[in-house]
Protein backbone atom coordinates (compact mmCIF):
# COMPACT_ATOMS: atom_id res chain seq x y z
CA UNK A 1 58.88 9.91 -160.44
CA UNK A 2 55.37 10.57 -162.17
CA UNK A 3 54.34 14.00 -163.21
CA UNK A 4 51.01 14.21 -164.60
CA UNK A 5 49.87 17.19 -166.25
CA UNK A 6 45.85 17.56 -166.31
CA UNK A 7 43.03 17.39 -164.03
CA UNK A 8 40.78 14.74 -166.32
CA UNK A 9 40.03 11.15 -166.60
CA UNK A 10 43.49 10.41 -168.17
CA UNK A 11 45.73 11.59 -165.28
CA UNK A 12 43.42 9.80 -162.85
CA UNK A 13 43.26 6.63 -164.53
CA UNK A 14 47.25 6.55 -164.72
CA UNK A 15 47.88 7.77 -161.38
CA UNK A 16 45.36 4.86 -160.14
CA UNK A 17 46.84 2.14 -162.00
CA UNK A 18 50.09 3.04 -161.19
CA UNK A 19 49.42 2.62 -157.64
CA UNK A 20 47.15 -0.47 -157.86
CA UNK A 21 49.72 -2.08 -159.99
CA UNK A 22 52.06 -1.62 -157.15
CA UNK A 23 54.38 1.02 -158.25
CA UNK A 24 55.73 3.18 -155.12
CA UNK A 25 57.25 6.35 -157.09
CA UNK A 26 56.05 9.69 -156.12
CA UNK A 27 53.09 10.77 -158.20
CA UNK A 28 52.19 14.41 -158.75
CA UNK A 29 49.22 15.85 -160.62
CA UNK A 30 49.03 19.11 -161.79
CA UNK A 31 45.58 20.51 -162.75
CA UNK A 32 44.02 23.84 -163.76
CA UNK A 33 40.98 22.63 -162.36
CA UNK A 34 39.76 23.97 -159.14
CA UNK A 35 38.53 20.74 -158.13
CA UNK A 36 39.84 16.93 -158.20
CA UNK A 37 39.56 15.01 -161.53
CA UNK A 38 35.45 14.32 -161.92
CA UNK A 39 33.62 12.97 -164.88
CA UNK A 40 33.16 15.37 -167.40
CA UNK A 41 30.39 14.31 -169.40
CA UNK A 42 27.85 14.47 -166.65
CA UNK A 43 28.60 18.42 -166.69
CA UNK A 44 25.92 18.63 -169.82
CA UNK A 45 23.49 16.40 -167.75
CA UNK A 46 23.10 15.42 -164.09
CA UNK A 47 25.12 18.04 -162.70
CA UNK A 48 22.92 21.00 -165.07
CA UNK A 49 19.96 19.46 -164.20
CA UNK A 50 20.93 19.44 -160.56
CA UNK A 51 20.31 15.63 -160.55
CA UNK A 52 23.62 15.00 -159.15
CA UNK A 53 26.39 16.91 -157.04
CA UNK A 54 29.92 18.19 -157.70
CA UNK A 55 30.85 15.89 -155.39
CA UNK A 56 28.86 12.82 -156.89
CA UNK A 57 30.78 13.04 -160.27
CA UNK A 58 34.04 12.90 -158.94
CA UNK A 59 35.84 10.20 -160.58
CA UNK A 60 37.74 9.36 -157.01
CA UNK A 61 36.86 10.88 -153.54
CA UNK A 62 39.54 13.46 -152.55
CA UNK A 63 40.44 11.06 -149.34
CA UNK A 64 41.78 8.24 -152.51
CA UNK A 65 44.27 10.74 -153.17
CA UNK A 66 45.52 11.15 -149.79
CA UNK A 67 45.47 7.25 -149.11
CA UNK A 68 47.18 5.96 -152.28
CA UNK A 69 49.96 8.99 -151.70
CA UNK A 70 49.08 10.68 -154.86
CA UNK A 71 49.79 14.68 -154.67
CA UNK A 72 47.21 16.68 -156.28
CA UNK A 73 48.22 20.58 -156.81
CA UNK A 74 44.67 22.10 -158.21
CA UNK A 75 44.32 25.59 -159.83
CA UNK A 76 48.02 25.08 -162.05
CA UNK A 77 47.64 25.79 -165.48
CA UNK A 78 51.27 24.36 -167.45
CA UNK A 79 53.37 27.16 -169.00
CA UNK A 80 55.76 25.28 -170.74
CA UNK A 81 57.80 21.49 -170.86
CA UNK A 82 61.46 21.62 -171.07
CA UNK A 83 62.18 17.82 -171.87
CA UNK A 84 66.24 18.55 -172.10
CA UNK A 85 65.97 19.21 -168.60
CA UNK A 86 62.99 17.43 -167.13
CA UNK A 87 61.21 20.55 -166.24
CA UNK A 88 57.47 21.81 -166.12
CA UNK A 89 57.18 25.29 -165.44
CA UNK A 90 53.47 26.89 -164.32
CA UNK A 91 51.72 29.94 -164.93
CA UNK A 92 52.27 30.74 -161.58
CA UNK A 93 56.11 30.63 -162.02
CA UNK A 94 56.22 26.66 -159.67
CA UNK A 95 59.18 24.30 -161.65
CA UNK A 96 58.40 20.73 -161.25
CA UNK A 97 61.19 18.26 -162.18
CA UNK A 98 60.04 14.60 -163.31
CA UNK A 99 61.39 10.88 -163.98
CA UNK A 100 58.19 10.22 -166.69
CA UNK A 101 55.84 12.71 -167.85
CA UNK A 102 52.60 11.99 -168.78
CA UNK A 103 50.76 15.21 -170.91
CA UNK A 104 47.14 14.70 -170.33
CA UNK A 105 45.54 18.18 -170.42
CA UNK A 106 43.18 17.54 -173.04
CA UNK A 107 41.25 20.05 -175.45
CA UNK A 108 39.24 23.52 -175.10
CA UNK A 109 35.93 24.76 -176.30
CA UNK A 110 36.48 26.48 -179.62
CA UNK A 111 35.41 30.17 -179.60
CA UNK A 112 33.02 31.74 -181.75
CA UNK A 113 34.68 34.37 -183.86
CA UNK A 114 32.35 37.36 -183.80
CA UNK A 115 32.01 41.13 -181.96
CA UNK A 116 29.72 40.04 -178.97
CA UNK A 117 31.08 36.73 -178.24
CA UNK A 118 32.25 37.54 -174.85
CA UNK A 119 28.87 39.09 -173.64
CA UNK A 120 27.17 37.90 -170.19
CA UNK A 121 25.05 35.08 -171.41
CA UNK A 122 27.56 33.58 -173.91
CA UNK A 123 28.54 30.17 -172.58
CA UNK A 124 30.82 27.28 -173.53
CA UNK A 125 31.30 23.86 -171.36
CA UNK A 126 34.71 22.71 -170.34
CA UNK A 127 34.36 22.72 -166.36
CA UNK A 128 32.40 22.53 -163.43
CA UNK A 129 32.72 26.42 -163.23
CA UNK A 130 30.99 26.68 -166.75
CA UNK A 131 28.66 24.43 -165.92
CA UNK A 132 27.51 26.57 -162.99
CA UNK A 133 27.64 29.81 -164.71
CA UNK A 134 25.05 28.07 -167.00
CA UNK A 135 22.84 27.18 -164.17
CA UNK A 136 22.62 30.37 -162.36
CA UNK A 137 21.70 32.05 -165.25
CA UNK A 138 18.59 29.43 -165.90
CA UNK A 139 18.04 30.23 -162.20
CA UNK A 140 18.21 33.80 -162.57
CA UNK A 141 14.97 33.87 -165.23
CA UNK A 142 16.38 32.53 -168.59
CA UNK A 143 13.88 31.85 -171.04
CA UNK A 144 15.11 31.55 -174.73
CA UNK A 145 18.26 29.74 -175.30
CA UNK A 146 20.24 29.19 -178.68
CA UNK A 147 22.38 26.21 -178.87
CA UNK A 148 25.08 26.60 -181.75
CA UNK A 149 26.14 23.20 -183.06
CA UNK A 150 24.18 20.14 -182.86
CA UNK A 151 26.98 17.73 -181.83
CA UNK A 152 26.43 15.25 -178.41
CA UNK A 153 27.57 17.96 -176.13
CA UNK A 154 24.84 20.65 -178.32
CA UNK A 155 21.99 18.16 -178.25
CA UNK A 156 22.84 17.37 -174.49
CA UNK A 157 22.91 20.78 -173.85
CA UNK A 158 19.48 21.36 -175.58
CA UNK A 159 18.07 18.82 -173.76
CA UNK A 160 19.02 19.80 -170.72
CA UNK A 161 17.91 23.23 -171.16
CA UNK A 162 14.22 21.92 -172.57
CA UNK A 163 13.91 19.93 -169.08
CA UNK A 164 14.55 23.07 -167.20
CA UNK A 165 12.01 24.88 -169.04
CA UNK A 166 13.31 27.06 -171.41
CA UNK A 167 12.39 27.72 -174.94
CA UNK A 168 15.23 26.02 -177.27
CA UNK A 169 16.70 26.90 -180.77
CA UNK A 170 19.49 24.70 -182.01
CA UNK A 171 21.44 25.99 -185.11
CA UNK A 172 23.65 23.10 -187.18
CA UNK A 173 25.73 24.34 -189.88
CA UNK A 174 25.59 20.84 -191.33
CA UNK A 175 22.67 19.73 -192.70
CA UNK A 176 21.77 16.80 -189.96
CA UNK A 177 22.20 16.85 -186.00
CA UNK A 178 24.83 14.67 -184.84
CA UNK A 179 26.21 15.02 -188.29
CA UNK A 180 29.69 13.18 -187.11
CA UNK A 181 27.19 10.09 -187.08
CA UNK A 182 27.43 8.50 -190.41
CA UNK A 183 23.75 6.82 -190.36
CA UNK A 184 21.06 9.58 -191.17
CA UNK A 185 18.60 7.43 -189.71
CA UNK A 186 20.05 8.09 -186.37
CA UNK A 187 20.29 11.87 -186.77
CA UNK A 188 16.81 12.13 -188.14
CA UNK A 189 15.49 10.05 -185.02
CA UNK A 190 17.51 12.50 -182.20
CA UNK A 191 16.04 15.72 -184.59
CA UNK A 192 12.46 14.52 -184.28
CA UNK A 193 13.10 13.74 -180.60
CA UNK A 194 14.30 17.54 -179.91
CA UNK A 195 11.34 18.57 -181.76
CA UNK A 196 8.85 16.87 -180.21
CA UNK A 197 10.47 17.96 -176.65
CA UNK A 198 9.72 21.44 -177.84
CA UNK A 199 12.70 22.75 -179.55
CA UNK A 200 13.53 24.59 -183.22
CA UNK A 201 15.71 22.98 -185.24
CA UNK A 202 17.70 24.79 -187.92
CA UNK A 203 20.10 23.29 -190.48
CA UNK A 204 22.84 24.29 -192.78
CA UNK A 205 22.75 27.81 -190.94
CA UNK A 206 24.79 29.53 -188.28
CA UNK A 207 25.27 32.57 -186.03
CA UNK A 208 26.18 35.75 -188.02
CA UNK A 209 25.79 38.25 -185.89
CA UNK A 210 25.53 38.69 -182.03
CA UNK A 211 23.41 41.47 -180.56
CA UNK A 212 23.08 42.74 -176.84
CA UNK A 213 24.93 45.44 -174.43
CA UNK A 214 26.59 43.97 -171.53
CA UNK A 215 24.44 40.62 -172.27
CA UNK A 216 23.08 39.23 -175.16
CA UNK A 217 19.44 40.12 -176.16
CA UNK A 218 19.88 38.06 -179.69
CA UNK A 219 21.45 36.77 -182.36
CA UNK A 220 21.14 37.03 -186.81
CA UNK A 221 21.78 33.67 -188.47
CA UNK A 222 23.35 33.48 -192.06
CA UNK A 223 19.92 32.84 -193.34
CA UNK A 224 18.78 35.99 -192.21
CA UNK A 225 16.36 35.12 -189.19
CA UNK A 226 16.95 37.02 -185.90
CA UNK A 227 16.42 35.25 -182.96
CA UNK A 228 15.90 37.07 -179.52
CA UNK A 229 17.27 35.03 -176.84
CA UNK A 230 18.85 35.18 -173.35
CA UNK A 231 21.67 33.04 -173.39
CA UNK A 232 23.69 31.61 -176.18
CA UNK A 233 25.65 28.20 -176.01
CA UNK A 234 28.41 27.66 -178.31
CA UNK A 235 29.24 24.17 -179.06
CA UNK A 236 31.48 24.02 -182.46
CA UNK A 237 33.81 21.97 -181.36
CA UNK A 238 37.15 21.67 -179.78
CA UNK A 239 40.58 22.50 -180.12
CA UNK A 240 43.76 20.80 -177.84
CA UNK A 241 44.98 22.70 -175.18
CA UNK A 242 48.65 22.46 -175.70
CA UNK A 243 49.72 25.65 -176.40
CA UNK A 244 52.58 25.49 -174.13
CA UNK A 245 54.56 22.80 -175.53
CA UNK A 246 55.54 25.44 -178.22
CA UNK A 247 59.28 24.88 -178.50
CA UNK A 248 59.66 21.78 -176.74
CA UNK A 249 60.50 19.48 -179.56
CA UNK A 250 57.37 17.29 -178.52
CA UNK A 251 55.94 16.04 -182.06
CA UNK A 252 52.39 17.55 -182.79
CA UNK A 253 50.28 16.89 -185.87
CA UNK A 254 48.46 19.72 -188.26
CA UNK A 255 45.39 20.11 -185.62
CA UNK A 256 48.17 20.68 -182.80
CA UNK A 257 47.41 17.24 -180.84
CA UNK A 258 50.17 15.30 -179.67
CA UNK A 259 51.35 12.31 -181.87
CA UNK A 260 52.08 9.20 -179.92
CA UNK A 261 52.41 5.71 -180.65
CA UNK A 262 50.38 2.23 -179.80
CA UNK A 263 51.92 2.58 -176.09
CA UNK A 264 51.18 6.45 -175.63
CA UNK A 265 54.98 7.24 -176.56
CA UNK A 266 55.69 10.67 -177.75
CA UNK A 267 59.00 11.17 -179.86
CA UNK A 268 60.45 12.47 -176.74
CA UNK A 269 62.05 9.26 -174.21
CA UNK A 270 60.06 9.01 -171.07
CA UNK A 271 57.50 11.89 -172.14
CA UNK A 272 53.90 10.19 -172.91
CA UNK A 273 50.63 11.68 -173.71
CA UNK A 274 46.85 10.52 -173.27
CA UNK A 275 43.30 11.40 -173.52
CA UNK A 276 42.02 13.96 -176.09
CA UNK A 277 45.13 15.97 -176.86
CA UNK A 278 46.62 12.72 -178.69
CA UNK A 279 46.92 11.61 -182.10
CA UNK A 280 46.92 7.89 -182.48
CA UNK A 281 46.61 5.25 -185.08
CA UNK A 282 43.20 3.56 -183.75
CA UNK A 283 42.77 0.40 -186.29
């Protein structure tokens, strides 16, 4: 009855709300993640620092889904949606029919388009697996980190890495940290906080080249600096995970986000979307 695509907060909230409001229809969550839905903002803070476990950041314990009769299929990425047939196909060949569909597949980290971006030691953050991979490198002896992008995520990662004992350089293309905040005083406050914690902050600059053989050994910046490093964290934004909607007829905006109305309805009957993948009017 209700097929929910994506294993994040939007799908988990929708499934819980349906049950808590008394709906008795069948519910199935399809998730590309390897575990139940969890609180992603904790990845760059509590989980990376080790102050919370993977179980402690779950949105609901695994038993919740069993008790509420909510199906949970993990490790299952969506390949295509056919609204005319009310059919969803996964990358591994499974086919699921639905009465109501919620698309909540979120976003994925934007990749750095440079040679060497696939070297070991180049990281992004979207999943528990990404977080564990970064922490493993820290525990293996990494000492110098470059964080590209001074967004919320980049600043959180930089702070956590400093707390773990690394020397951190933050690089931001624009002229201040947290550039999406419209108050320069707040950006200045957090830049000073990072610098007082030991970070070097480079503004109006970016990474021009990545060096290393097998694993990263350093980066060059556009301004001509060479920065040796054991790891590079790339936090240069995200893009909607909507590739699988090609040819579906579901309307997307210019950034490939799903266009929805104030009830989260798409242009296709019985197809809804929620979370980071959506584009909606917010007065």
